[in-house]
N, C-alpha and C. Protein backbone atom coordinates (compact mmCIF):
# COMPACT_ATOMS: atom_id res chain seq x y z
N UNK A 1 -5.74 34.87 39.14
CA UNK A 1 -5.39 34.65 38.13
C UNK A 1 -4.02 34.40 37.76
N UNK A 2 -3.89 33.52 36.40
CA UNK A 2 -2.42 33.13 36.23
C UNK A 2 -1.45 34.12 35.67
N UNK A 3 -0.27 34.75 36.11
CA UNK A 3 0.42 35.73 35.93
C UNK A 3 0.80 35.78 34.27
N UNK A 4 1.05 36.53 33.27
CA UNK A 4 1.45 36.58 31.78
C UNK A 4 3.07 36.56 32.21
N UNK A 5 3.78 36.84 32.73
CA UNK A 5 5.43 36.89 32.83
C UNK A 5 5.70 36.66 33.89
N UNK A 6 5.30 36.80 34.96
CA UNK A 6 5.48 36.22 36.41
C UNK A 6 5.40 34.65 36.67
N UNK A 7 6.54 34.22 37.21
CA UNK A 7 6.50 32.83 37.44
C UNK A 7 5.15 32.33 38.36
N UNK A 8 5.00 33.35 39.56
CA UNK A 8 3.78 33.17 40.21
C UNK A 8 3.48 34.25 41.00
N UNK A 9 2.36 34.63 41.25
CA UNK A 9 1.67 35.67 41.85
C UNK A 9 2.40 36.43 43.02
N UNK A 10 2.95 35.77 43.84
CA UNK A 10 3.96 36.06 44.80
C UNK A 10 5.32 36.18 44.93
N UNK A 11 5.48 36.15 43.55
CA UNK A 11 7.27 35.97 42.93
C UNK A 11 7.61 37.54 43.93
N UNK A 12 7.12 38.46 43.90
CA UNK A 12 7.87 39.78 44.47
C UNK A 12 6.66 40.11 45.55
N UNK A 13 6.25 39.68 46.10
CA UNK A 13 5.65 39.64 47.46
C UNK A 13 6.07 40.82 48.41
N UNK A 14 5.63 42.15 48.57
CA UNK A 14 6.63 42.99 49.56
C UNK A 14 6.50 42.46 50.89
N UNK A 15 7.50 42.85 51.74
CA UNK A 15 7.50 42.85 52.67
C UNK A 15 6.42 43.35 53.60
N UNK A 16 5.94 42.40 54.80
CA UNK A 16 4.86 42.87 55.61
C UNK A 16 4.46 45.09 55.70
N UNK A 17 3.52 45.02 56.11
CA UNK A 17 3.01 46.36 56.57
C UNK A 17 3.68 46.74 57.63
N UNK A 18 3.75 47.88 58.36
CA UNK A 18 4.48 48.50 59.42
C UNK A 18 3.53 47.99 60.76
N UNK A 19 4.60 47.61 61.54
CA UNK A 19 3.81 46.72 62.70
C UNK A 19 3.15 48.12 63.39
N UNK A 20 1.74 47.88 63.62
CA UNK A 20 0.84 49.07 64.48
C UNK A 20 1.25 49.74 65.70
N UNK A 21 2.40 49.04 66.30
CA UNK A 21 2.95 49.40 67.55
C UNK A 21 3.99 50.46 67.07
N UNK A 22 4.61 50.18 65.79
CA UNK A 22 5.77 51.17 65.59
C UNK A 22 5.79 52.52 65.33
N UNK A 23 7.03 53.23 65.44
CA UNK A 23 6.71 54.77 65.38
C UNK A 23 6.42 55.00 63.76
N UNK A 24 6.95 53.86 62.77
CA UNK A 24 6.87 54.07 61.51
C UNK A 24 5.61 54.41 61.23
N UNK A 25 4.61 53.22 61.84
CA UNK A 25 3.21 53.49 61.54
C UNK A 25 2.33 54.52 62.15
N UNK A 26 2.90 54.89 63.21
CA UNK A 26 2.34 56.43 63.88
C UNK A 26 2.42 57.36 63.08
N UNK A 27 4.02 57.66 62.24
CA UNK A 27 3.88 58.90 61.31
C UNK A 27 3.21 58.90 60.36
N UNK A 28 3.11 57.35 59.47
CA UNK A 28 2.23 57.43 58.35
C UNK A 28 0.55 57.57 58.67
N UNK A 29 -0.21 57.23 59.74
CA UNK A 29 -1.06 57.55 60.43
C UNK A 29 -1.22 58.72 60.46
N UNK A 30 -0.27 59.65 60.98
CA UNK A 30 -0.48 61.25 61.41
C UNK A 30 -0.57 61.68 59.87
N UNK A 31 0.19 61.49 59.47
CA UNK A 31 0.32 61.89 57.81
C UNK A 31 -0.75 61.92 57.07
N UNK A 32 -1.71 61.16 56.94
CA UNK A 32 -2.95 60.73 56.48
C UNK A 32 -4.27 61.17 56.85
N UNK A 33 -3.91 61.11 58.32
CA UNK A 33 -4.98 61.53 59.26
C UNK A 33 -5.23 63.19 58.99
N UNK A 34 -4.08 63.81 58.68
CA UNK A 34 -4.30 65.18 58.64
C UNK A 34 -4.30 65.55 57.11
N UNK A 35 -3.72 65.12 56.07
CA UNK A 35 -3.78 65.68 54.93
C UNK A 35 -4.62 64.91 54.19
N UNK A 36 -5.74 63.51 54.56
CA UNK A 36 -6.47 62.72 53.74
C UNK A 36 -7.92 63.20 54.23
N UNK A 37 -7.88 63.65 55.45
CA UNK A 37 -9.18 63.87 55.83
C UNK A 37 -10.43 64.56 54.80
N UNK A 38 -11.69 64.67 54.85
CA UNK A 38 -12.08 64.87 53.69
C UNK A 38 -12.49 66.48 54.23
N UNK A 39 -12.31 67.01 55.24
CA UNK A 39 -12.16 68.37 55.46
C UNK A 39 -10.73 69.28 55.98
N UNK A 40 -9.68 68.52 55.52
CA UNK A 40 -8.60 68.79 55.91
C UNK A 40 -8.41 70.36 55.50
N UNK A 41 -7.61 71.17 56.62
CA UNK A 41 -7.28 72.32 56.53
C UNK A 41 -5.76 72.28 55.88
N UNK A 42 -5.10 71.32 56.08
CA UNK A 42 -3.44 71.33 55.74
C UNK A 42 -3.30 71.26 54.26
N UNK A 43 -4.07 70.32 53.62
CA UNK A 43 -4.40 70.00 52.41
C UNK A 43 -4.67 71.47 51.53
N UNK A 44 -3.64 71.93 50.47
CA UNK A 44 -3.72 72.67 49.38
C UNK A 44 -4.55 72.44 48.43
N UNK A 45 -5.61 73.49 47.98
CA UNK A 45 -6.28 73.32 46.59
C UNK A 45 -5.73 72.29 45.62
N UNK A 46 -4.39 72.95 45.37
CA UNK A 46 -3.51 72.36 44.43
C UNK A 46 -3.35 70.57 45.00
N UNK A 47 -2.96 70.22 46.06
CA UNK A 47 -3.15 69.08 46.55
C UNK A 47 -4.43 68.16 46.29
N UNK A 48 -5.50 68.88 46.47
CA UNK A 48 -6.80 68.22 46.77
C UNK A 48 -7.04 67.85 44.85
N UNK A 49 -6.83 68.87 43.97
CA UNK A 49 -6.82 68.53 42.98
C UNK A 49 -6.25 67.60 42.25
N UNK A 50 -4.84 67.41 42.74
CA UNK A 50 -4.23 66.21 42.47
C UNK A 50 -4.71 64.77 43.00
N UNK A 51 -5.16 64.73 44.57
CA UNK A 51 -5.76 63.45 44.93
C UNK A 51 -6.70 63.51 44.13
N UNK A 52 -7.81 64.25 43.67
CA UNK A 52 -8.93 63.79 43.24
C UNK A 52 -8.49 63.12 41.88
N UNK A 53 -7.52 63.93 40.97
CA UNK A 53 -7.15 63.76 39.69
C UNK A 53 -7.01 61.88 39.45
N UNK A 54 -6.37 61.23 40.71
CA UNK A 54 -6.21 59.74 40.58
C UNK A 54 -7.12 58.96 40.90
N UNK A 55 -8.75 59.69 41.26
CA UNK A 55 -9.64 58.85 41.42
C UNK A 55 -10.67 58.39 40.23
N UNK A 56 -9.94 58.93 39.08
CA UNK A 56 -10.26 58.40 37.15
C UNK A 56 -9.68 56.99 37.46
N UNK A 57 -10.42 56.26 36.55
CA UNK A 57 -9.66 54.96 36.14
C UNK A 57 -8.30 54.62 35.74
N UNK A 58 -7.61 53.98 36.42
CA UNK A 58 -5.97 54.52 35.78
C UNK A 58 -5.67 53.72 34.75
N UNK A 59 -6.53 52.78 34.38
CA UNK A 59 -6.50 51.94 33.32
C UNK A 59 -6.62 52.63 32.10
N UNK A 60 -8.00 53.24 32.08
CA UNK A 60 -7.90 54.23 30.92
C UNK A 60 -7.28 55.30 30.61
N UNK A 61 -6.71 56.03 32.07
CA UNK A 61 -5.82 57.02 32.03
C UNK A 61 -4.66 56.75 31.21
N UNK A 62 -3.96 55.19 31.65
CA UNK A 62 -2.76 55.17 30.99
C UNK A 62 -3.03 54.70 29.66
N UNK A 63 -3.91 53.86 29.48
CA UNK A 63 -3.85 53.51 27.96
C UNK A 63 -4.19 54.68 26.97
N UNK A 64 -5.07 55.90 27.46
CA UNK A 64 -5.08 57.42 26.58
C UNK A 64 -3.68 58.00 26.56
N UNK A 65 -2.97 57.99 27.83
CA UNK A 65 -1.57 58.41 27.86
C UNK A 65 -0.60 57.80 26.73
N UNK A 66 -0.68 56.32 26.74
CA UNK A 66 0.24 55.53 26.43
C UNK A 66 0.09 55.92 24.47
N UNK A 67 -1.27 55.98 24.40
CA UNK A 67 -1.43 55.96 22.70
C UNK A 67 -1.54 57.68 22.39
N UNK A 68 -1.29 58.46 23.52
CA UNK A 68 -0.88 59.69 23.26
C UNK A 68 0.77 60.22 22.92
N UNK A 69 1.28 59.07 23.77
CA UNK A 69 2.63 59.21 23.67
C UNK A 69 3.28 58.77 22.17
N UNK A 70 2.71 57.35 21.90
CA UNK A 70 3.14 56.70 20.51
C UNK A 70 3.17 58.13 19.54
N UNK A 71 2.01 58.60 19.17
CA UNK A 71 1.70 59.80 18.47
C UNK A 71 2.91 60.61 18.73
N UNK A 72 3.00 61.11 19.76
CA UNK A 72 3.88 62.38 19.87
C UNK A 72 5.44 61.94 19.47
N UNK A 73 5.84 60.60 19.66
CA UNK A 73 7.40 59.94 19.55
C UNK A 73 7.36 59.56 18.14
N UNK A 74 6.18 59.46 17.15
CA UNK A 74 6.21 59.15 15.87
C UNK A 74 6.37 57.61 16.28
N UNK A 75 6.14 56.97 16.98
CA UNK A 75 6.18 55.36 16.63
C UNK A 75 5.62 54.90 15.52
N UNK A 76 5.95 53.73 15.23
CA UNK A 76 5.28 53.29 13.78
C UNK A 76 4.63 51.99 14.51
N UNK A 77 3.55 51.27 13.82
CA UNK A 77 2.77 50.11 14.30
C UNK A 77 3.33 49.10 15.03
N UNK A 78 4.00 48.75 14.51
CA UNK A 78 4.82 47.59 15.39
C UNK A 78 5.67 48.16 16.77
N UNK A 79 6.36 49.31 16.65
CA UNK A 79 6.74 49.95 17.77
C UNK A 79 5.63 50.18 18.82
N UNK A 80 4.58 50.87 18.59
CA UNK A 80 3.62 50.94 19.13
C UNK A 80 2.99 49.60 19.68
N UNK A 81 2.87 48.72 19.14
CA UNK A 81 2.48 47.39 19.69
C UNK A 81 3.26 47.03 20.84
N UNK A 82 4.44 46.74 20.23
CA UNK A 82 5.30 46.39 21.33
C UNK A 82 5.51 47.34 22.79
N UNK A 83 5.32 48.72 22.50
CA UNK A 83 5.09 49.62 23.94
C UNK A 83 4.04 49.25 24.43
N UNK A 84 2.81 48.89 24.21
CA UNK A 84 1.63 48.40 24.68
C UNK A 84 1.39 47.52 25.37
N UNK A 85 2.15 46.50 24.59
CA UNK A 85 2.33 44.83 25.14
C UNK A 85 3.30 44.74 26.20
N UNK A 86 4.54 45.77 26.34
CA UNK A 86 5.39 45.59 27.65
C UNK A 86 4.60 46.53 28.62
N UNK A 87 4.09 47.40 28.46
CA UNK A 87 3.31 48.23 29.28
C UNK A 87 1.94 47.53 30.23
N UNK A 88 1.33 46.72 29.21
CA UNK A 88 0.13 46.16 29.80
C UNK A 88 0.46 44.78 30.38
N UNK A 89 1.52 44.20 29.74
CA UNK A 89 1.88 43.04 30.58
C UNK A 89 2.12 43.44 31.82
N UNK A 90 3.34 44.28 32.07
CA UNK A 90 3.73 44.53 33.25
C UNK A 90 2.74 44.84 34.31
N UNK A 91 1.79 45.98 33.64
CA UNK A 91 0.66 46.39 34.28
C UNK A 91 -0.18 45.39 35.10
N UNK A 92 -0.60 44.36 34.30
CA UNK A 92 -1.52 43.38 34.35
C UNK A 92 -0.60 42.51 35.43
N UNK A 93 0.32 42.09 35.18
CA UNK A 93 0.98 41.09 36.36
C UNK A 93 1.35 42.11 37.77
N UNK A 94 1.21 43.28 37.80
CA UNK A 94 1.37 43.98 39.05
C UNK A 94 0.25 43.92 39.58
N UNK A 95 -1.00 43.81 39.01
CA UNK A 95 -2.25 43.75 39.64
C UNK A 95 -2.45 42.79 40.04
N UNK A 96 -2.11 41.56 39.52
CA UNK A 96 -2.02 40.22 39.91
C UNK A 96 -1.50 39.82 41.41
N UNK A 97 -0.42 40.67 41.13
CA UNK A 97 1.09 40.44 42.27
C UNK A 97 0.15 41.14 43.57
N UNK A 98 -0.28 42.15 43.12
CA UNK A 98 -0.62 43.45 43.95
C UNK A 98 -1.96 42.84 44.99
N UNK A 99 -2.85 42.15 44.33
CA UNK A 99 -3.85 41.48 45.15
C UNK A 99 -3.38 40.49 45.76
N UNK A 100 -2.37 39.66 45.42
CA UNK A 100 -2.18 38.48 45.99
C UNK A 100 -1.40 38.95 47.49
N UNK A 101 -0.99 40.17 47.43
CA UNK A 101 -0.30 40.92 48.71
C UNK A 101 -1.29 41.47 49.66
N UNK A 102 -2.18 42.26 49.06
CA UNK A 102 -3.73 42.65 49.84
C UNK A 102 -4.16 41.61 50.28
N UNK A 103 -4.65 40.22 50.13
CA UNK A 103 -5.38 39.27 50.52
C UNK A 103 -4.38 38.77 51.51
N UNK A 104 -2.97 38.65 51.19
CA UNK A 104 -1.95 38.17 51.98
C UNK A 104 -2.13 38.79 53.47
N UNK A 105 -1.96 39.89 53.46
CA UNK A 105 -2.08 40.91 54.46
C UNK A 105 -2.85 41.23 55.16
N UNK A 106 -4.13 41.57 54.73
CA UNK A 106 -5.48 42.08 54.98
C UNK A 106 -5.12 43.28 55.71
N UNK A 107 -4.40 44.14 55.46
CA UNK A 107 -4.10 45.61 56.20
C UNK A 107 -5.47 46.40 56.17
N UNK A 108 -5.81 47.16 57.04
CA UNK A 108 -6.99 48.10 57.08
C UNK A 108 -6.61 49.16 56.56
N UNK A 109 -7.49 49.98 56.25
CA UNK A 109 -7.43 51.34 55.53
C UNK A 109 -7.50 52.50 56.36
N UNK A 110 -7.02 53.69 55.91
CA UNK A 110 -7.29 54.83 57.18
C UNK A 110 -8.70 55.11 57.68
N UNK A 111 -9.70 54.62 56.80
CA UNK A 111 -11.30 55.16 57.33
C UNK A 111 -11.60 54.23 58.42
N UNK A 112 -10.55 53.04 58.55
CA UNK A 112 -11.17 52.07 59.65
C UNK A 112 -10.03 52.24 60.95
N UNK A 113 -8.81 52.47 60.35
CA UNK A 113 -7.77 52.63 61.36
C UNK A 113 -7.98 53.64 62.17
N UNK A 114 -8.15 54.97 61.61
CA UNK A 114 -8.19 56.26 62.38
C UNK A 114 -9.29 56.45 63.42
N UNK A 115 -10.57 55.77 63.07
CA UNK A 115 -11.69 55.65 64.23
C UNK A 115 -11.59 54.72 65.03
N UNK A 116 -10.37 53.72 64.78
CA UNK A 116 -10.45 52.46 66.16
C UNK A 116 -8.83 52.63 66.20
N UNK A 117 -8.44 53.42 66.36
CA UNK A 117 -6.88 53.68 66.79
C UNK A 117 -6.69 53.38 68.29
N UNK A 118 -7.68 53.55 68.82
CA UNK A 118 -7.59 53.00 70.41
C UNK A 118 -7.49 51.53 70.27
N UNK A 119 -7.59 51.19 69.38
CA UNK A 119 -7.67 49.37 69.30
C UNK A 119 -6.38 48.76 69.07
N UNK A 120 -5.41 49.81 68.27
CA UNK A 120 -3.97 49.54 67.52
C UNK A 120 -2.65 48.96 68.64
N UNK A 121 -3.01 49.53 69.90
CA UNK A 121 -1.76 49.12 70.66
C UNK A 121 -1.01 50.41 70.51
N UNK A 122 -1.01 51.07 70.00
CA UNK A 122 0.02 52.33 69.90
C UNK A 122 -0.14 53.39 70.50
N UNK A 123 0.28 54.05 71.42
CA UNK A 123 -0.06 55.08 72.36
C UNK A 123 0.35 56.69 71.48
N UNK A 124 0.93 56.56 70.51
CA UNK A 124 1.20 57.83 69.54
C UNK A 124 0.09 58.19 68.52
N UNK A 125 -0.91 56.74 68.31
CA UNK A 125 -2.11 57.07 67.67
C UNK A 125 -3.57 57.42 68.32
N UNK A 126 -3.98 58.55 68.09
CA UNK A 126 -5.37 58.57 68.62
C UNK A 126 -6.77 58.60 67.71
N UNK A 127 -7.63 57.86 68.47
CA UNK A 127 -8.70 57.43 67.73
C UNK A 127 -9.62 58.75 67.41
N UNK A 128 -10.09 58.63 66.18
CA UNK A 128 -11.12 60.03 65.72
C UNK A 128 -11.98 59.34 64.92
N UNK A 129 -13.49 59.09 65.95
CA UNK A 129 -14.28 58.40 65.21
C UNK A 129 -15.23 59.50 63.90
N UNK A 130 -14.92 60.56 63.82
CA UNK A 130 -15.29 61.42 62.64
C UNK A 130 -14.52 61.32 61.61
N UNK A 131 -13.81 60.95 61.92
CA UNK A 131 -12.56 60.91 60.74
C UNK A 131 -13.21 60.30 59.26
N UNK A 132 -13.32 60.84 58.06
CA UNK A 132 -13.72 60.54 56.90
C UNK A 132 -12.62 61.07 55.79
N UNK A 133 -12.21 60.16 54.99
CA UNK A 133 -11.31 60.40 53.99
C UNK A 133 -12.02 61.35 52.92
N UNK A 134 -11.09 62.02 51.77
CA UNK A 134 -11.67 62.86 50.84
C UNK A 134 -12.45 62.17 49.84
N UNK A 135 -11.80 60.80 49.51
CA UNK A 135 -12.74 60.17 48.58
C UNK A 135 -13.17 58.73 49.16
N UNK A 136 -14.07 57.87 48.21
CA UNK A 136 -14.84 56.80 48.60
C UNK A 136 -13.94 55.72 48.48
N UNK A 137 -13.41 55.08 49.49
CA UNK A 137 -12.85 54.38 49.70
C UNK A 137 -12.69 53.04 49.10
N UNK A 138 -11.82 52.36 48.33
CA UNK A 138 -12.23 50.96 47.49
C UNK A 138 -12.75 49.93 48.09
N UNK A 139 -13.14 49.01 47.97
CA UNK A 139 -13.46 48.19 48.58
C UNK A 139 -12.90 47.01 48.73
N UNK A 140 -11.51 46.78 49.11
CA UNK A 140 -10.67 45.94 49.28
C UNK A 140 -9.54 46.21 50.25
N UNK A 141 -8.43 45.32 50.77
CA UNK A 141 -7.29 45.75 51.60
C UNK A 141 -6.53 46.74 51.12
N UNK A 142 -5.84 47.65 51.94
CA UNK A 142 -5.14 48.65 52.21
C UNK A 142 -3.73 48.28 51.31
N UNK A 143 -3.42 47.49 51.92
CA UNK A 143 -1.74 46.93 51.45
C UNK A 143 -1.48 46.14 50.82
N UNK A 144 -0.46 46.21 49.74
CA UNK A 144 -0.22 47.34 49.10
C UNK A 144 -0.75 48.20 48.31
N UNK A 145 -0.27 49.55 48.11
CA UNK A 145 -1.55 50.32 46.92
C UNK A 145 -1.32 50.05 45.48
N UNK A 146 -2.72 49.55 44.97
CA UNK A 146 -2.98 48.98 43.78
C UNK A 146 -2.37 50.49 42.37
N UNK A 147 -2.79 51.23 42.92
CA UNK A 147 -2.35 52.43 41.95
C UNK A 147 -1.09 52.64 41.93
N UNK A 148 -0.27 52.43 42.79
CA UNK A 148 1.14 52.72 43.00
C UNK A 148 1.87 51.28 42.38
N UNK A 149 1.45 50.15 42.52
CA UNK A 149 1.81 48.81 42.19
C UNK A 149 1.83 48.84 40.45
N UNK A 150 0.65 49.43 39.83
CA UNK A 150 0.42 49.13 38.67
C UNK A 150 1.21 50.38 38.01
N UNK A 151 1.35 51.94 38.29
CA UNK A 151 2.00 52.93 37.57
C UNK A 151 3.45 52.44 37.70
N UNK A 152 3.84 52.14 38.94
CA UNK A 152 5.09 51.65 39.03
C UNK A 152 5.80 50.33 38.12
N UNK A 153 4.96 49.66 37.58
CA UNK A 153 5.36 48.52 36.67
C UNK A 153 4.94 49.00 35.24
N UNK A 154 4.31 50.29 34.97
CA UNK A 154 4.02 50.48 33.50
C UNK A 154 5.11 51.28 33.38
N UNK A 155 6.11 51.81 34.34
CA UNK A 155 6.83 53.19 34.18
C UNK A 155 8.06 52.51 33.96
N UNK A 156 8.24 51.66 34.70
CA UNK A 156 9.40 50.64 34.58
C UNK A 156 9.52 50.02 33.06
N UNK A 157 8.61 49.67 32.57
CA UNK A 157 8.38 48.85 31.29
C UNK A 157 8.63 50.07 30.25
N UNK A 158 8.44 51.34 30.31
CA UNK A 158 8.52 52.16 29.46
C UNK A 158 9.87 52.51 29.63
N UNK A 159 10.47 52.71 30.66
CA UNK A 159 12.17 53.22 30.71
C UNK A 159 12.70 51.89 30.09
N UNK A 160 12.40 50.69 30.00
CA UNK A 160 13.02 49.83 29.71
C UNK A 160 12.81 50.22 27.97
N UNK A 161 11.57 50.22 27.33
CA UNK A 161 11.42 50.28 26.10
C UNK A 161 12.37 51.71 25.64
N UNK A 162 12.48 52.92 26.36
CA UNK A 162 12.84 53.96 25.77
C UNK A 162 14.48 53.97 26.05
N UNK A 163 14.57 53.40 26.94
CA UNK A 163 16.35 53.28 27.59
C UNK A 163 16.54 54.45 28.11
N UNK A 164 15.51 55.01 28.91
CA UNK A 164 15.81 56.05 29.81
C UNK A 164 14.44 56.55 30.56
N UNK A 165 14.41 57.44 31.54
CA UNK A 165 13.67 57.77 32.27
C UNK A 165 13.02 59.36 31.78
N UNK A 166 13.71 59.88 30.88
CA UNK A 166 13.91 61.17 30.51
C UNK A 166 13.00 61.16 29.42
N UNK A 167 11.73 61.05 29.21
CA UNK A 167 10.64 61.00 28.60
C UNK A 167 9.14 61.97 29.15
N UNK A 168 9.35 63.00 28.53
CA UNK A 168 8.45 63.96 28.71
C UNK A 168 6.66 62.91 28.58
N UNK A 169 5.94 63.14 29.82
CA UNK A 169 4.48 62.32 29.14
C UNK A 169 3.43 63.40 29.84
N UNK A 170 2.36 62.79 29.68
CA UNK A 170 1.02 63.71 30.17
C UNK A 170 -0.33 62.45 30.31
N UNK A 171 -1.09 62.92 31.20
CA UNK A 171 -2.24 62.21 31.51
C UNK A 171 -2.89 62.81 31.94
N UNK A 172 -4.24 62.57 31.56
CA UNK A 172 -5.41 63.52 31.79
C UNK A 172 -6.61 62.62 32.82
N UNK A 173 -7.50 63.55 33.39
CA UNK A 173 -8.57 62.79 34.05
C UNK A 173 -10.04 63.11 33.69
N UNK A 174 -10.92 62.28 33.77
CA UNK A 174 -12.22 62.68 33.41
C UNK A 174 -13.11 63.38 34.67
N UNK A 175 -12.09 63.05 36.05
CA UNK A 175 -12.88 63.72 37.24
C UNK A 175 -12.36 64.83 37.24
N UNK A 176 -11.59 65.30 37.33
CA UNK A 176 -11.16 66.90 37.25
C UNK A 176 -11.11 67.44 35.92
N UNK A 177 -11.15 66.60 34.72
CA UNK A 177 -11.17 67.56 33.45
C UNK A 177 -10.03 68.27 33.42
N UNK A 178 -8.74 67.73 33.94
CA UNK A 178 -7.52 68.70 33.63
C UNK A 178 -6.41 67.45 33.07
N UNK A 179 -5.29 67.84 32.59
CA UNK A 179 -4.21 67.05 32.14
C UNK A 179 -2.97 67.59 32.87
N UNK A 180 -2.28 66.45 33.47
CA UNK A 180 -0.93 66.58 34.55
C UNK A 180 0.28 66.31 33.45
N UNK A 181 1.33 66.86 33.16
CA UNK A 181 2.60 66.95 32.61
C UNK A 181 3.54 66.59 33.40
N UNK A 182 4.37 65.81 33.01
CA UNK A 182 5.76 65.04 33.64
C UNK A 182 6.76 65.18 32.45
N UNK A 183 7.94 65.53 33.40
CA UNK A 183 9.13 65.73 32.65
C UNK A 183 10.18 64.34 32.52
N UNK A 184 9.61 63.36 33.23
CA UNK A 184 10.45 62.15 33.71
C UNK A 184 9.13 60.93 33.77
N UNK A 185 9.38 59.99 33.50
CA UNK A 185 8.27 58.86 33.56
C UNK A 185 8.16 58.71 35.41
N UNK A 186 9.26 58.56 35.86
CA UNK A 186 9.20 58.22 37.56
C UNK A 186 8.50 59.29 38.11
N UNK A 187 8.26 60.59 37.65
CA UNK A 187 7.46 61.53 38.11
C UNK A 187 6.00 61.45 38.42
N UNK A 188 5.64 60.26 37.24
CA UNK A 188 4.29 59.84 37.62
C UNK A 188 3.94 58.91 38.99
N UNK A 189 4.88 58.51 39.07
CA UNK A 189 4.71 57.23 40.49
C UNK A 189 5.07 58.25 41.82
N UNK A 190 5.72 59.46 41.69
CA UNK A 190 5.80 60.25 42.84
C UNK A 190 4.60 60.81 43.19
N UNK A 191 3.74 61.25 42.20
CA UNK A 191 2.63 61.97 41.91
C UNK A 191 1.50 60.85 42.35
N UNK A 192 1.52 59.86 42.04
CA UNK A 192 0.39 58.78 42.45
C UNK A 192 0.63 58.40 44.13
N UNK A 193 2.12 58.37 44.24
CA UNK A 193 2.08 58.10 45.56
C UNK A 193 1.72 59.10 46.57
N UNK A 194 1.77 60.53 46.55
CA UNK A 194 1.11 61.59 47.24
C UNK A 194 -0.10 61.38 46.98
N UNK A 195 -0.70 61.38 45.97
CA UNK A 195 -2.30 61.30 45.65
C UNK A 195 -3.10 60.44 46.43
N UNK A 196 -2.53 59.33 46.83
CA UNK A 196 -3.07 58.28 47.51
C UNK A 196 -3.37 58.77 48.85
N UNK A 197 -2.29 59.14 49.43
CA UNK A 197 -2.62 59.62 50.80
C UNK A 197 -3.42 61.07 50.85
N UNK A 198 -3.24 61.70 50.19
CA UNK A 198 -3.84 62.89 50.00
C UNK A 198 -5.62 62.54 49.58
N UNK A 199 -5.70 61.49 49.05
CA UNK A 199 -7.18 61.20 48.95
C UNK A 199 -7.56 60.51 50.18
N UNK A 200 -6.94 59.88 51.21
CA UNK A 200 -7.32 59.40 52.36
C UNK A 200 -7.33 57.87 52.37
N UNK A 201 -6.99 57.57 51.35
CA UNK A 201 -7.34 55.55 50.72
C UNK A 201 -6.10 55.07 51.43
N UNK A 202 -4.53 55.55 51.33
CA UNK A 202 -3.51 54.79 51.84
C UNK A 202 -2.71 55.52 52.85
N UNK A 203 -1.71 54.59 53.47
CA UNK A 203 -0.39 54.88 54.37
C UNK A 203 0.33 55.10 53.30
N UNK A 204 1.48 56.13 53.22
CA UNK A 204 2.58 56.60 52.59
C UNK A 204 3.21 54.92 52.42
N UNK A 205 3.26 54.55 53.26
CA UNK A 205 4.48 53.05 52.82
C UNK A 205 3.68 51.99 52.05
N UNK A 206 2.38 51.84 52.07
CA UNK A 206 1.55 51.30 51.27
C UNK A 206 1.92 51.79 49.65
N UNK A 207 2.31 53.00 49.52
CA UNK A 207 2.61 53.42 48.14
C UNK A 207 3.82 53.33 47.60
N UNK A 208 4.73 53.45 48.83
CA UNK A 208 6.06 52.99 48.54
C UNK A 208 6.32 51.51 48.07
N UNK A 209 6.00 50.49 48.80
CA UNK A 209 5.78 49.43 48.85
C UNK A 209 5.53 48.77 47.41
N UNK A 210 4.03 49.28 46.97
CA UNK A 210 3.71 49.32 45.70
C UNK A 210 4.27 49.37 44.52
């Protein structure tokens, strides 16, 4: 798709994912192997709820949250329209750029990487053919995280609109029937980054780069 505001889809393409033989990859591998497993004994009930919260459709979550934010801040019609336009143009371009990167790098998901770890050339990673993620993994390449790309872009647009990161904000999930409250806009990004590891979909570096 042609971007709305970016000059081209690869304008902000992130650097490559960690090399499979690197220590950094092994550390991310160990983290998601332990915390993202469907039967993980290390993941707390609160973390499981956090992981499942973000398996709802994030575009729906964000749009509902933005409309609620406009009402709470007393924004008029033009201000609301401008805020929504900034957020959705940024979010839309972020998704275009994110999928450009995903299909450029074609990096594997944890549900592939962990059972096949004996093929990655890294002695610090061990294959576990029985490993499964907490959630059903989306059917497209891993790097970078689309949820992180989208949420990071929307948050940056909102920071620009309000002129500050100190904006109390809430999002809900129809998966967990819960609402999460955030004191700062960027707290949403941190929440997403952690959640995508906890659900077993991503290596943490993919979230940070997204």
